[in-house]
């Protein structure tokens, strides 16, 4: 339960594989973006708005076959490393979410907000 007047700020995470260059098809990365869920979707999804911020740009490890035992181990290591990196990226939310923080809003008011990782 939050105190009266408190505001939940859903933090939305987004990602999609992208090519880094048009000259070399094998260079790819995995950008991690964030935005807040309190914005209207038309504003959040508008190409000209700055509602979506690049949080991290992760390299994509090479894909392995499913047959080799060594490849299965490498796939596990890659998955565990990705999980560790995402936990590191979003760790600051763990410290702010329980107590909240004062945030200046667009209407010139200061609100007690609780940022929560939502998706």
Protein backbone atom coordinates (compact mmCIF):
# COMPACT_ATOMS: atom_id res chain seq x y z
CA UNK A 1 0.00 0.00 0.00
CA UNK A 2 1.23 3.44 -0.91
CA UNK A 3 0.45 6.59 1.04
CA UNK A 4 -2.29 8.89 -0.27
CA UNK A 5 -0.89 11.15 -2.98
CA UNK A 6 1.89 8.73 -3.95
CA UNK A 7 2.41 8.07 -7.65
CA UNK A 8 3.48 4.77 -9.19
CA UNK A 9 5.76 5.28 -12.19
CA UNK A 10 5.87 2.08 -14.27
CA UNK A 11 9.26 1.71 -15.94
CA UNK A 12 8.90 -0.12 -19.25
CA UNK A 13 11.88 -1.92 -20.72
CA UNK A 14 12.08 -2.58 -24.45
CA UNK A 15 14.55 -4.31 -26.69
CA UNK A 16 15.04 -5.56 -30.22
CA UNK A 17 18.00 -6.84 -32.17
CA UNK A 18 19.40 -4.31 -34.62
CA UNK A 19 22.13 -4.17 -37.27
CA UNK A 20 24.93 -1.76 -36.44
CA UNK A 21 26.01 -1.12 -40.01
CA UNK A 22 24.64 -1.44 -43.51
CA UNK A 23 28.03 -2.48 -44.90
CA UNK A 24 28.53 -5.59 -42.78
CA UNK A 25 25.55 -7.83 -42.06
CA UNK A 26 27.28 -9.74 -39.26
CA UNK A 27 27.55 -6.78 -36.85
CA UNK A 28 24.49 -6.81 -34.59
CA UNK A 29 23.63 -5.52 -31.14
CA UNK A 30 20.79 -5.68 -28.66
CA UNK A 31 19.73 -2.18 -27.53
CA UNK A 32 17.86 -1.90 -24.22
CA UNK A 33 15.48 1.06 -24.05
CA UNK A 34 13.36 2.42 -21.20
CA UNK A 35 10.34 4.68 -20.98
CA UNK A 36 7.65 5.37 -18.40
CA UNK A 37 4.19 3.90 -18.59
CA UNK A 38 2.42 7.04 -17.33
CA UNK A 39 2.81 8.70 -20.73
CA UNK A 40 0.00 8.32 -23.26
CA UNK A 41 0.99 5.65 -25.80
CA UNK A 42 0.61 8.09 -28.72
CA UNK A 43 3.23 10.36 -27.12
CA UNK A 44 5.47 7.48 -26.00
CA UNK A 45 5.48 5.86 -29.47
CA UNK A 46 5.87 9.08 -31.47
CA UNK A 47 9.18 9.03 -33.40
CA UNK A 48 9.87 12.72 -32.65
CA UNK A 49 9.41 12.48 -28.89
CA UNK A 50 12.24 11.80 -26.50
CA UNK A 51 10.07 9.54 -24.37
CA UNK A 52 12.20 6.45 -25.08
CA UNK A 53 15.81 6.47 -23.89
CA UNK A 54 18.64 4.12 -24.82
CA UNK A 55 19.83 2.55 -21.57
CA UNK A 56 22.38 0.02 -22.85
CA UNK A 57 23.72 -1.48 -26.06
CA UNK A 58 24.58 -5.14 -25.57
CA UNK A 59 26.59 -7.28 -28.01
CA UNK A 60 24.89 -10.38 -29.39
CA UNK A 61 26.99 -13.52 -28.85
CA UNK A 62 27.29 -16.00 -31.73
CA UNK A 63 24.63 -18.70 -31.99
CA UNK A 64 25.61 -22.29 -31.31
CA UNK A 65 24.19 -25.60 -32.44
CA UNK A 66 22.09 -27.53 -29.94
CA UNK A 67 23.92 -30.81 -30.44
CA UNK A 68 27.36 -30.29 -28.92
CA UNK A 69 27.76 -30.47 -25.14
CA UNK A 70 30.31 -27.64 -25.25
CA UNK A 71 27.86 -25.49 -27.22
CA UNK A 72 25.14 -26.17 -24.63
CA UNK A 73 27.50 -25.02 -21.88
CA UNK A 74 28.33 -21.85 -23.84
CA UNK A 75 24.61 -21.15 -24.36
CA UNK A 76 24.07 -21.46 -20.58
CA UNK A 77 27.01 -19.12 -19.90
CA UNK A 78 25.61 -16.59 -22.41
CA UNK A 79 22.13 -16.72 -20.84
CA UNK A 80 23.52 -16.35 -17.30
CA UNK A 81 25.73 -13.43 -18.37
CA UNK A 82 22.77 -11.67 -20.00
CA UNK A 83 20.72 -12.12 -16.83
CA UNK A 84 23.57 -10.68 -14.73
CA UNK A 85 23.95 -7.66 -17.03
CA UNK A 86 20.20 -6.91 -16.98
CA UNK A 87 20.20 -7.16 -13.17
CA UNK A 88 23.13 -4.71 -13.06
CA UNK A 89 21.40 -2.27 -15.43
CA UNK A 90 18.14 -2.22 -13.45
CA UNK A 91 19.71 -2.48 -9.95
CA UNK A 92 19.19 1.23 -9.11
CA UNK A 93 15.42 0.68 -9.26
CA UNK A 94 15.68 -1.84 -6.40
CA UNK A 95 16.96 0.87 -4.06
CA UNK A 96 14.46 3.59 -5.03
CA UNK A 97 11.27 1.52 -5.40
CA UNK A 98 10.63 0.72 -1.69
CA UNK A 99 10.95 4.29 -0.38
CA UNK A 100 10.16 6.33 -3.49
CA UNK A 101 11.66 9.65 -4.48
CA UNK A 102 10.60 13.24 -5.05
CA UNK A 103 10.19 14.00 -8.76
CA UNK A 104 9.49 17.37 -10.40
CA UNK A 105 6.49 16.94 -12.71
CA UNK A 106 5.50 18.84 -15.85
CA UNK A 107 2.76 20.72 -13.97
CA UNK A 108 5.40 22.30 -11.67
CA UNK A 109 4.43 20.10 -8.73
CA UNK A 110 6.76 17.80 -6.83
CA UNK A 111 5.33 14.32 -6.32
CA UNK A 112 6.44 11.37 -4.21
CA UNK A 113 6.95 8.74 -6.92
CA UNK A 114 7.68 5.03 -6.79
CA UNK A 115 9.42 3.78 -9.98
CA UNK A 116 8.59 0.10 -10.54
CA UNK A 117 10.05 -2.07 -13.32
CA UNK A 118 6.95 -3.23 -15.16
CA UNK A 119 7.91 -4.84 -18.47
